[in-house]
Amino acid sequence: MYLSDLQSKDIISVKDGRKIGRIIDAEINSQGRIINLIIEEKKNFRKFVISSEDTKVSFDNISKIGEDVILVNL
């Protein structure tokens, strides 16, 4: 699976079922393994006006990667 495949999937929180956003980048260690996914949070009007930082999700927090979504424990 390629990073571009992951970027097309929505990130969903297992805890409350809310949509967190989409992957925009990844942090990779010196061995070439993904350690964090950088998530661009879902935009709404309030966040459009007030800028916020992107969220980092540890690759270890991924519960399941499906066809359309990635489930994460946050």
PDB file of N, CA and C in Angstrom:
ATOM      1  N   MET A   1       0.847  -1.174   0.000  1.00  0.00           N
ATOM      2  CA  MET A   1       0.000   0.000   0.000  1.00  0.00           C
ATOM      3  C   MET A   1       0.894   1.238   0.000  1.00  0.00           C
ATOM      4  N   TYR A   2       0.492   2.223  -0.778  1.00  0.00           N
ATOM      5  CA  TYR A   2       1.237   3.468  -0.895  1.00  0.00           C
ATOM      6  C   TYR A   2       0.618   4.549  -0.010  1.00  0.00           C
ATOM      7  N   LEU A   3       1.405   5.573   0.311  1.00  0.00           N
ATOM      8  CA  LEU A   3       0.899   6.694   1.091  1.00  0.00           C
ATOM      9  C   LEU A   3      -0.262   7.356   0.358  1.00  0.00           C
ATOM     10  N   SER A   4      -0.185   7.446  -0.952  1.00  0.00           N
ATOM     11  CA  SER A   4      -1.276   8.059  -1.716  1.00  0.00           C
ATOM     12  C   SER A   4      -2.578   7.271  -1.563  1.00  0.00           C
ATOM     13  N   ASP A   5      -2.495   5.965  -1.359  1.00  0.00           N
ATOM     14  CA  ASP A   5      -3.694   5.158  -1.093  1.00  0.00           C
ATOM     15  C   ASP A   5      -4.305   5.542   0.253  1.00  0.00           C
ATOM     16  N   LEU A   6      -3.459   5.768   1.246  1.00  0.00           N
ATOM     17  CA  LEU A   6      -3.945   6.149   2.570  1.00  0.00           C
ATOM     18  C   LEU A   6      -4.540   7.553   2.569  1.00  0.00           C
ATOM     19  N   GLN A   7      -3.999   8.445   1.746  1.00  0.00           N
ATOM     20  CA  GLN A   7      -4.452   9.829   1.730  1.00  0.00           C
ATOM     21  C   GLN A   7      -5.882   9.978   1.230  1.00  0.00           C
ATOM     22  N   SER A   8      -6.394   9.007   0.508  1.00  0.00           N
ATOM     23  CA  SER A   8      -7.763   9.104  -0.009  1.00  0.00           C
ATOM     24  C   SER A   8      -8.803   8.628   0.999  1.00  0.00           C
ATOM     25  N   LYS A   9      -8.368   8.142   2.163  1.00  0.00           N
ATOM     26  CA  LYS A   9      -9.285   7.598   3.166  1.00  0.00           C
ATOM     27  C   LYS A   9      -9.553   8.615   4.276  1.00  0.00           C
ATOM     28  N   ASP A  10     -10.792   8.598   4.797  1.00  0.00           N
ATOM     29  CA  ASP A  10     -11.143   9.436   5.940  1.00  0.00           C
ATOM     30  C   ASP A  10     -10.592   8.804   7.208  1.00  0.00           C
ATOM     31  N   ILE A  11     -10.175   9.638   8.157  1.00  0.00           N
ATOM     32  CA  ILE A  11      -9.695   9.162   9.451  1.00  0.00           C
ATOM     33  C   ILE A  11     -10.849   9.310  10.442  1.00  0.00           C
ATOM     34  N   ILE A  12     -11.241   8.191  11.078  1.00  0.00           N
ATOM     35  CA  ILE A  12     -12.381   8.146  11.996  1.00  0.00           C
ATOM     36  C   ILE A  12     -11.893   7.700  13.375  1.00  0.00           C
ATOM     37  N   SER A  13     -12.370   8.391  14.413  1.00  0.00           N
ATOM     38  CA  SER A  13     -12.029   8.030  15.788  1.00  0.00           C
ATOM     39  C   SER A  13     -12.895   6.853  16.232  1.00  0.00           C
ATOM     40  N   VAL A  14     -12.258   5.807  16.754  1.00  0.00           N
ATOM     41  CA  VAL A  14     -12.979   4.644  17.258  1.00  0.00           C
ATOM     42  C   VAL A  14     -13.763   5.024  18.510  1.00  0.00           C
ATOM     43  N   LYS A  15     -13.217   5.949  19.294  1.00  0.00           N
ATOM     44  CA  LYS A  15     -13.810   6.311  20.579  1.00  0.00           C
ATOM     45  C   LYS A  15     -15.204   6.923  20.431  1.00  0.00           C
ATOM     46  N   ASP A  16     -15.350   7.898  19.518  1.00  0.00           N
ATOM     47  CA  ASP A  16     -16.645   8.580  19.413  1.00  0.00           C
ATOM     48  C   ASP A  16     -17.224   8.592  17.999  1.00  0.00           C
ATOM     49  N   GLY A  17     -16.541   8.001  17.039  1.00  0.00           N
ATOM     50  CA  GLY A  17     -17.056   7.889  15.675  1.00  0.00           C
ATOM     51  C   GLY A  17     -16.985   9.150  14.849  1.00  0.00           C
ATOM     52  N   ARG A  18     -16.322  10.177  15.346  1.00  0.00           N
ATOM     53  CA  ARG A  18     -16.253  11.426  14.578  1.00  0.00           C
ATOM     54  C   ARG A  18     -15.168  11.360  13.511  1.00  0.00           C
ATOM     55  N   LYS A  19     -15.407  12.098  12.445  1.00  0.00           N
ATOM     56  CA  LYS A  19     -14.425  12.204  11.374  1.00  0.00           C
ATOM     57  C   LYS A  19     -13.366  13.202  11.805  1.00  0.00           C
ATOM     58  N   ILE A  20     -12.117  12.763  11.795  1.00  0.00           N
ATOM     59  CA  ILE A  20     -11.012  13.619  12.228  1.00  0.00           C
ATOM     60  C   ILE A  20     -10.472  14.428  11.062  1.00  0.00           C
ATOM     61  N   GLY A  21     -10.320  13.820   9.916  1.00  0.00           N
ATOM     62  CA  GLY A  21      -9.796  14.520   8.754  1.00  0.00           C
ATOM     63  C   GLY A  21      -9.183  13.546   7.764  1.00  0.00           C
ATOM     64  N   ARG A  22      -8.182  14.020   7.037  1.00  0.00           N
ATOM     65  CA  ARG A  22      -7.484  13.208   6.037  1.00  0.00           C
ATOM     66  C   ARG A  22      -5.977  13.339   6.206  1.00  0.00           C
ATOM     67  N   ILE A  23      -5.275  12.315   5.774  1.00  0.00           N
ATOM     68  CA  ILE A  23      -3.808  12.304   5.854  1.00  0.00           C
ATOM     69  C   ILE A  23      -3.241  13.256   4.798  1.00  0.00           C
ATOM     70  N   ILE A  24      -2.323  14.102   5.238  1.00  0.00           N
ATOM     71  CA  ILE A  24      -1.651  14.991   4.288  1.00  0.00           C
ATOM     72  C   ILE A  24      -0.159  14.687   4.187  1.00  0.00           C
ATOM     73  N   ASP A  25       0.390  13.985   5.198  1.00  0.00           N
ATOM     74  CA  ASP A  25       1.816  13.691   5.176  1.00  0.00           C
ATOM     75  C   ASP A  25       2.117  12.576   6.175  1.00  0.00           C
ATOM     76  N   ALA A  26       3.354  12.132   6.197  1.00  0.00           N
ATOM     77  CA  ALA A  26       3.775  11.094   7.139  1.00  0.00           C
ATOM     78  C   ALA A  26       5.189  11.382   7.608  1.00  0.00           C
ATOM     79  N   GLU A  27       5.480  11.015   8.865  1.00  0.00           N
ATOM     80  CA  GLU A  27       6.842  11.090   9.401  1.00  0.00           C
ATOM     81  C   GLU A  27       7.426   9.688   9.326  1.00  0.00           C
ATOM     82  N   ILE A  28       8.635   9.593   8.779  1.00  0.00           N
ATOM     83  CA  ILE A  28       9.284   8.303   8.568  1.00  0.00           C
ATOM     84  C   ILE A  28      10.619   8.296   9.291  1.00  0.00           C
ATOM     85  N   ASN A  29      10.918   7.175   9.975  1.00  0.00           N
ATOM     86  CA  ASN A  29      12.187   7.085  10.702  1.00  0.00           C
ATOM     87  C   ASN A  29      13.316   6.695   9.746  1.00  0.00           C
ATOM     88  N   SER A  30      14.523   6.559  10.273  1.00  0.00           N
ATOM     89  CA  SER A  30      15.696   6.282   9.432  1.00  0.00           C
ATOM     90  C   SER A  30      15.669   4.888   8.803  1.00  0.00           C
ATOM     91  N   GLN A  31      14.835   3.982   9.332  1.00  0.00           N
ATOM     92  CA  GLN A  31      14.695   2.647   8.744  1.00  0.00           C
ATOM     93  C   GLN A  31      13.591   2.604   7.677  1.00  0.00           C
ATOM     94  N   GLY A  32      12.939   3.729   7.423  1.00  0.00           N
ATOM     95  CA  GLY A  32      11.908   3.803   6.396  1.00  0.00           C
ATOM     96  C   GLY A  32      10.526   3.399   6.867  1.00  0.00           C
ATOM     97  N   ARG A  33      10.309   3.318   8.173  1.00  0.00           N
ATOM     98  CA  ARG A  33       8.998   2.956   8.715  1.00  0.00           C
ATOM     99  C   ARG A  33       8.217   4.216   9.095  1.00  0.00           C
ATOM    100  N   ILE A  34       6.913   4.163   8.882  1.00  0.00           N
ATOM    101  CA  ILE A  34       6.055   5.290   9.250  1.00  0.00           C
ATOM    102  C   ILE A  34       5.907   5.308  10.761  1.00  0.00           C
ATOM    103  N   ILE A  35       6.197   6.469  11.379  1.00  0.00           N
ATOM    104  CA  ILE A  35       6.017   6.587  12.828  1.00  0.00           C
ATOM    105  C   ILE A  35       4.798   7.447  13.168  1.00  0.00           C
ATOM    106  N   ASN A  36       4.508   8.460  12.369  1.00  0.00           N
ATOM    107  CA  ASN A  36       3.346   9.326  12.584  1.00  0.00           C
ATOM    108  C   ASN A  36       2.698   9.667  11.255  1.00  0.00           C
ATOM    109  N   LEU A  37       1.380   9.781  11.287  1.00  0.00           N
ATOM    110  CA  LEU A  37       0.639  10.310  10.156  1.00  0.00           C
ATOM    111  C   LEU A  37       0.226  11.729  10.508  1.00  0.00           C
ATOM    112  N   ILE A  38       0.361  12.645   9.580  1.00  0.00           N
ATOM    113  CA  ILE A  38      -0.027  14.031   9.789  1.00  0.00           C
ATOM    114  C   ILE A  38      -1.429  14.186   9.196  1.00  0.00           C
ATOM    115  N   ILE A  39      -2.372  14.596  10.046  1.00  0.00           N
ATOM    116  CA  ILE A  39      -3.766  14.684   9.661  1.00  0.00           C
ATOM    117  C   ILE A  39      -4.178  16.140   9.539  1.00  0.00           C
ATOM    118  N   GLU A  40      -4.793  16.484   8.420  1.00  0.00           N
ATOM    119  CA  GLU A  40      -5.396  17.798   8.264  1.00  0.00           C
ATOM    120  C   GLU A  40      -6.812  17.671   8.802  1.00  0.00           C
ATOM    121  N   GLU A  41      -7.105  18.421   9.852  1.00  0.00           N
ATOM    122  CA  GLU A  41      -8.401  18.297  10.499  1.00  0.00           C
ATOM    123  C   GLU A  41      -9.533  18.743   9.594  1.00  0.00           C
ATOM    124  N   LYS A  42     -10.693  18.133   9.818  1.00  0.00           N
ATOM    125  CA  LYS A  42     -11.896  18.472   9.071  1.00  0.00           C
ATOM    126  C   LYS A  42     -12.177  19.957   9.239  1.00  0.00           C
ATOM    127  N   LYS A  43     -12.404  20.649   8.149  1.00  0.00           N
ATOM    128  CA  LYS A  43     -12.625  22.092   8.188  1.00  0.00           C
ATOM    129  C   LYS A  43     -14.103  22.400   8.422  1.00  0.00           C
ATOM    130  N   ASN A  44     -14.352  23.363   9.273  1.00  0.00           N
ATOM    131  CA  ASN A  44     -15.680  23.957   9.399  1.00  0.00           C
ATOM    132  C   ASN A  44     -15.481  25.455   9.475  1.00  0.00           C
ATOM    133  N   PHE A  45     -16.541  26.209   9.564  1.00  0.00           N
ATOM    134  CA  PHE A  45     -16.400  27.664   9.497  1.00  0.00           C
ATOM    135  C   PHE A  45     -15.520  28.211  10.612  1.00  0.00           C
ATOM    136  N   ARG A  46     -15.694  27.711  11.831  1.00  0.00           N
ATOM    137  CA  ARG A  46     -14.914  28.215  12.962  1.00  0.00           C
ATOM    138  C   ARG A  46     -13.421  27.952  12.762  1.00  0.00           C
ATOM    139  N   LYS A  47     -13.070  26.750  12.325  1.00  0.00           N
ATOM    140  CA  LYS A  47     -11.661  26.437  12.110  1.00  0.00           C
ATOM    141  C   LYS A  47     -11.112  27.143  10.880  1.00  0.00           C
ATOM    142  N   PHE A  48     -11.994  27.518   9.944  1.00  0.00           N
ATOM    143  CA  PHE A  48     -11.554  28.264   8.775  1.00  0.00           C
ATOM    144  C   PHE A  48     -11.090  29.654   9.190  1.00  0.00           C
ATOM    145  N   VAL A  49     -11.802  30.262  10.135  1.00  0.00           N
ATOM    146  CA  VAL A  49     -11.462  31.604  10.602  1.00  0.00           C
ATOM    147  C   VAL A  49     -10.274  31.554  11.551  1.00  0.00           C
ATOM    148  N   ILE A  50     -10.270  30.567  12.468  1.00  0.00           N
ATOM    149  CA  ILE A  50      -9.192  30.423  13.441  1.00  0.00           C
ATOM    150  C   ILE A  50      -8.271  29.301  12.962  1.00  0.00           C
ATOM    151  N   SER A  51      -7.044  29.631  12.631  1.00  0.00           N
ATOM    152  CA  SER A  51      -6.138  28.600  12.138  1.00  0.00           C
ATOM    153  C   SER A  51      -5.734  27.661  13.262  1.00  0.00           C
ATOM    154  N   SER A  52      -5.584  26.388  12.928  1.00  0.00           N
ATOM    155  CA  SER A  52      -5.145  25.412  13.924  1.00  0.00           C
ATOM    156  C   SER A  52      -4.043  24.552  13.313  1.00  0.00           C
ATOM    157  N   GLU A  53      -3.281  23.915  14.176  1.00  0.00           N
ATOM    158  CA  GLU A  53      -2.208  23.073  13.689  1.00  0.00           C
ATOM    159  C   GLU A  53      -2.756  21.715  13.258  1.00  0.00           C
ATOM    160  N   ASP A  54      -2.006  21.038  12.424  1.00  0.00           N
ATOM    161  CA  ASP A  54      -2.378  19.700  12.007  1.00  0.00           C
ATOM    162  C   ASP A  54      -2.151  18.737  13.162  1.00  0.00           C
ATOM    163  N   THR A  55      -2.844  17.613  13.126  1.00  0.00           N
ATOM    164  CA  THR A  55      -2.772  16.610  14.178  1.00  0.00           C
ATOM    165  C   THR A  55      -1.824  15.501  13.770  1.00  0.00           C
ATOM    166  N   LYS A  56      -1.035  15.008  14.727  1.00  0.00           N
ATOM    167  CA  LYS A  56      -0.171  13.850  14.489  1.00  0.00           C
ATOM    168  C   LYS A  56      -0.811  12.631  15.130  1.00  0.00           C
ATOM    169  N   VAL A  57      -0.881  11.547  14.373  1.00  0.00           N
ATOM    170  CA  VAL A  57      -1.407  10.285  14.878  1.00  0.00           C
ATOM    171  C   VAL A  57      -0.304   9.244  14.746  1.00  0.00           C
ATOM    172  N   SER A  58       0.056   8.639  15.868  1.00  0.00           N
ATOM    173  CA  SER A  58       1.069   7.584  15.847  1.00  0.00           C
ATOM    174  C   SER A  58       0.557   6.396  15.038  1.00  0.00           C
ATOM    175  N   PHE A  59       1.419   5.805  14.257  1.00  0.00           N
ATOM    176  CA  PHE A  59       1.026   4.661  13.436  1.00  0.00           C
ATOM    177  C   PHE A  59       0.549   3.509  14.321  1.00  0.00           C
ATOM    178  N   ASP A  60       1.036   3.455  15.566  1.00  0.00           N
ATOM    179  CA  ASP A  60       0.617   2.414  16.507  1.00  0.00           C
ATOM    180  C   ASP A  60      -0.832   2.583  16.948  1.00  0.00           C
ATOM    181  N   ASN A  61      -1.409   3.786  16.796  1.00  0.00           N
ATOM    182  CA  ASN A  61      -2.787   4.045  17.213  1.00  0.00           C
ATOM    183  C   ASN A  61      -3.824   3.659  16.155  1.00  0.00           C
ATOM    184  N   ILE A  62      -3.386   3.155  15.015  1.00  0.00           N
ATOM    185  CA  ILE A  62      -4.326   2.738  13.978  1.00  0.00           C
ATOM    186  C   ILE A  62      -4.907   1.385  14.360  1.00  0.00           C
ATOM    187  N   SER A  63      -6.247   1.322  14.424  1.00  0.00           N
ATOM    188  CA  SER A  63      -6.933   0.068  14.750  1.00  0.00           C
ATOM    189  C   SER A  63      -7.158  -0.781  13.508  1.00  0.00           C
ATOM    190  N   LYS A  64      -7.620  -0.136  12.439  1.00  0.00           N
ATOM    191  CA  LYS A  64      -7.986  -0.877  11.232  1.00  0.00           C
ATOM    192  C   LYS A  64      -7.912   0.041  10.029  1.00  0.00           C
ATOM    193  N   ILE A  65      -7.413  -0.485   8.928  1.00  0.00           N
ATOM    194  CA  ILE A  65      -7.422   0.233   7.662  1.00  0.00           C
ATOM    195  C   ILE A  65      -8.400  -0.479   6.749  1.00  0.00           C
ATOM    196  N   GLY A  66      -9.492   0.210   6.403  1.00  0.00           N
ATOM    197  CA  GLY A  66     -10.509  -0.358   5.541  1.00  0.00           C
ATOM    198  C   GLY A  66     -10.427   0.198   4.130  1.00  0.00           C
ATOM    199  N   GLU A  67     -11.442  -0.129   3.316  1.00  0.00           N
ATOM    200  CA  GLU A  67     -11.453   0.342   1.938  1.00  0.00           C
ATOM    201  C   GLU A  67     -11.639   1.858   1.846  1.00  0.00           C
ATOM    202  N   ASP A  68     -12.485   2.410   2.745  1.00  0.00           N
ATOM    203  CA  ASP A  68     -12.813   3.825   2.673  1.00  0.00           C
ATOM    204  C   ASP A  68     -12.328   4.646   3.859  1.00  0.00           C
ATOM    205  N   VAL A  69     -12.064   3.995   4.984  1.00  0.00           N
ATOM    206  CA  VAL A  69     -11.713   4.730   6.207  1.00  0.00           C
ATOM    207  C   VAL A  69     -10.545   4.056   6.935  1.00  0.00           C
ATOM    208  N   ILE A  70      -9.938   4.857   7.806  1.00  0.00           N
ATOM    209  CA  ILE A  70      -8.912   4.361   8.730  1.00  0.00           C
ATOM    210  C   ILE A  70      -9.432   4.650  10.130  1.00  0.00           C
ATOM    211  N   LEU A  71      -9.528   3.619  10.966  1.00  0.00           N
ATOM    212  CA  LEU A  71     -10.007   3.775  12.336  1.00  0.00           C
ATOM    213  C   LEU A  71      -8.820   3.941  13.250  1.00  0.00           C
ATOM    214  N   VAL A  72      -8.859   4.972  14.099  1.00  0.00           N
ATOM    215  CA  VAL A  72      -7.755   5.260  15.002  1.00  0.00           C
ATOM    216  C   VAL A  72      -8.248   5.375  16.440  1.00  0.00           C
ATOM    217  N   ASN A  73      -7.391   5.010  17.377  1.00  0.00           N
ATOM    218  CA  ASN A  73      -7.651   5.192  18.820  1.00  0.00           C
ATOM    219  C   ASN A  73      -6.970   6.478  19.249  1.00  0.00           C
ATOM    220  N   LEU A  74      -7.752   7.484  19.577  1.00  0.00           N
ATOM    221  CA  LEU A  74      -7.192   8.759  20.042  1.00  0.00           C
ATOM    222  C   LEU A  74      -7.687   9.074  21.423  1.00  0.00           C
TER     223      LEU A  74
END
